Amino acid sequence: MTVSIIHALLRWTLAVFGPGTGRRRAGTCPAATAPARVPESRPGPVVVPLPTARSPYGLPVLLDGARTAPVRPYVLAAERAA
């Protein structure tokens, strides 16, 4: 009895998940499609482009370390202590 249940479940899963024979699609006609709708043109929000990103390494002028603020506060504290 157990073997027949296993075989029945195996046949069922192969029938459900297995590849089809193609017979169902052979005689059917394609479904009628609805005509494509043209979307209404609404004025959208004005998009302002972002400025181009600039790297300080690409500047023609070198950065002056005395004029720029230190990134890490402990660097400034270490320079004052020295």
Protein backbone atom coordinates (compact mmCIF):
# COMPACT_ATOMS: atom_id res chain seq x y z
CA MET A 1 0.00 0.00 0.00
CA THR A 2 2.81 2.43 0.83
CA VAL A 3 4.47 1.88 -2.50
CA SER A 4 1.28 2.66 -4.42
CA ILE A 5 0.85 5.92 -2.47
CA ILE A 6 4.43 6.92 -3.26
CA HIS A 7 3.93 6.12 -6.95
CA ALA A 8 0.65 8.05 -7.01
CA LEU A 9 2.28 11.10 -5.41
CA LEU A 10 5.19 10.86 -7.81
CA ARG A 11 2.87 10.71 -10.84
CA TRP A 12 0.84 13.65 -9.50
CA THR A 13 3.90 15.87 -8.91
CA LEU A 14 5.27 15.04 -12.35
CA ALA A 15 1.91 15.85 -13.91
CA VAL A 16 1.67 19.18 -12.07
CA PHE A 17 5.28 20.36 -12.21
CA GLY A 18 6.61 18.43 -15.20
CA PRO A 19 6.85 19.74 -18.74
CA GLY A 20 3.64 19.77 -20.71
CA THR A 21 2.92 17.88 -23.90
CA GLY A 22 1.98 21.01 -25.83
CA ARG A 23 -1.45 19.70 -26.79
CA ARG A 24 -3.34 22.38 -24.91
CA ARG A 25 -1.71 25.17 -26.87
CA ALA A 26 -1.99 23.54 -30.30
CA GLY A 27 -5.68 24.20 -31.00
CA THR A 28 -6.31 27.44 -29.14
CA CYS A 29 -6.44 30.82 -30.78
CA PRO A 30 -4.56 33.76 -29.28
CA ALA A 31 -6.49 35.90 -26.83
CA ALA A 32 -7.71 39.26 -28.04
CA THR A 33 -5.59 42.04 -26.63
CA ALA A 34 -6.92 45.40 -25.57
CA PRO A 35 -5.68 48.41 -27.54
CA ALA A 36 -2.80 50.20 -25.92
CA ARG A 37 -3.76 53.36 -24.06
CA VAL A 38 -1.80 56.49 -24.69
CA PRO A 39 -0.98 58.14 -21.36
CA GLU A 40 -2.08 61.71 -20.91
CA SER A 41 0.71 64.21 -21.02
CA ARG A 42 0.78 66.10 -17.74
CA PRO A 43 3.36 68.70 -16.91
CA GLY A 44 5.61 67.06 -14.36
CA PRO A 45 7.77 68.68 -11.73
CA VAL A 46 10.76 70.58 -12.97
CA VAL A 47 13.88 68.51 -12.39
CA VAL A 48 16.97 70.52 -11.57
CA PRO A 49 20.14 68.55 -12.27
CA LEU A 50 22.66 68.17 -9.50
CA PRO A 51 25.98 69.94 -9.85
CA THR A 52 28.83 67.79 -11.03
CA ALA A 53 30.87 66.23 -8.25
CA ARG A 54 34.32 67.71 -7.86
CA SER A 55 37.16 66.01 -6.14
CA PRO A 56 39.73 68.15 -4.31
CA TYR A 57 42.40 65.93 -5.87
CA GLY A 58 41.41 67.06 -9.33
CA LEU A 59 41.80 70.78 -8.63
CA PRO A 60 44.66 72.58 -10.37
CA VAL A 61 45.63 74.33 -7.12
CA LEU A 62 47.05 72.40 -4.18
CA LEU A 63 45.20 72.61 -0.88
CA ASP A 64 46.91 74.59 1.84
CA GLY A 65 46.95 72.59 5.07
CA ALA A 66 47.18 75.73 7.24
CA ARG A 67 44.02 77.23 5.76
CA THR A 68 41.86 74.10 5.84
CA ALA A 69 40.21 72.82 8.99
CA PRO A 70 41.53 69.52 10.30
CA VAL A 71 39.22 66.61 9.75
CA ARG A 72 39.92 64.95 13.07
CA PRO A 73 39.95 67.07 16.22
CA TYR A 74 42.65 64.93 17.85
CA VAL A 75 45.07 65.96 15.10
CA LEU A 76 44.66 69.57 16.15
CA ALA A 77 45.11 68.61 19.82
CA ALA A 78 48.26 66.66 18.99
CA GLU A 79 49.70 69.60 17.04
CA ARG A 80 49.02 71.98 19.92
CA ALA A 81 50.64 69.62 22.44
CA ALA A 82 53.80 69.26 20.35
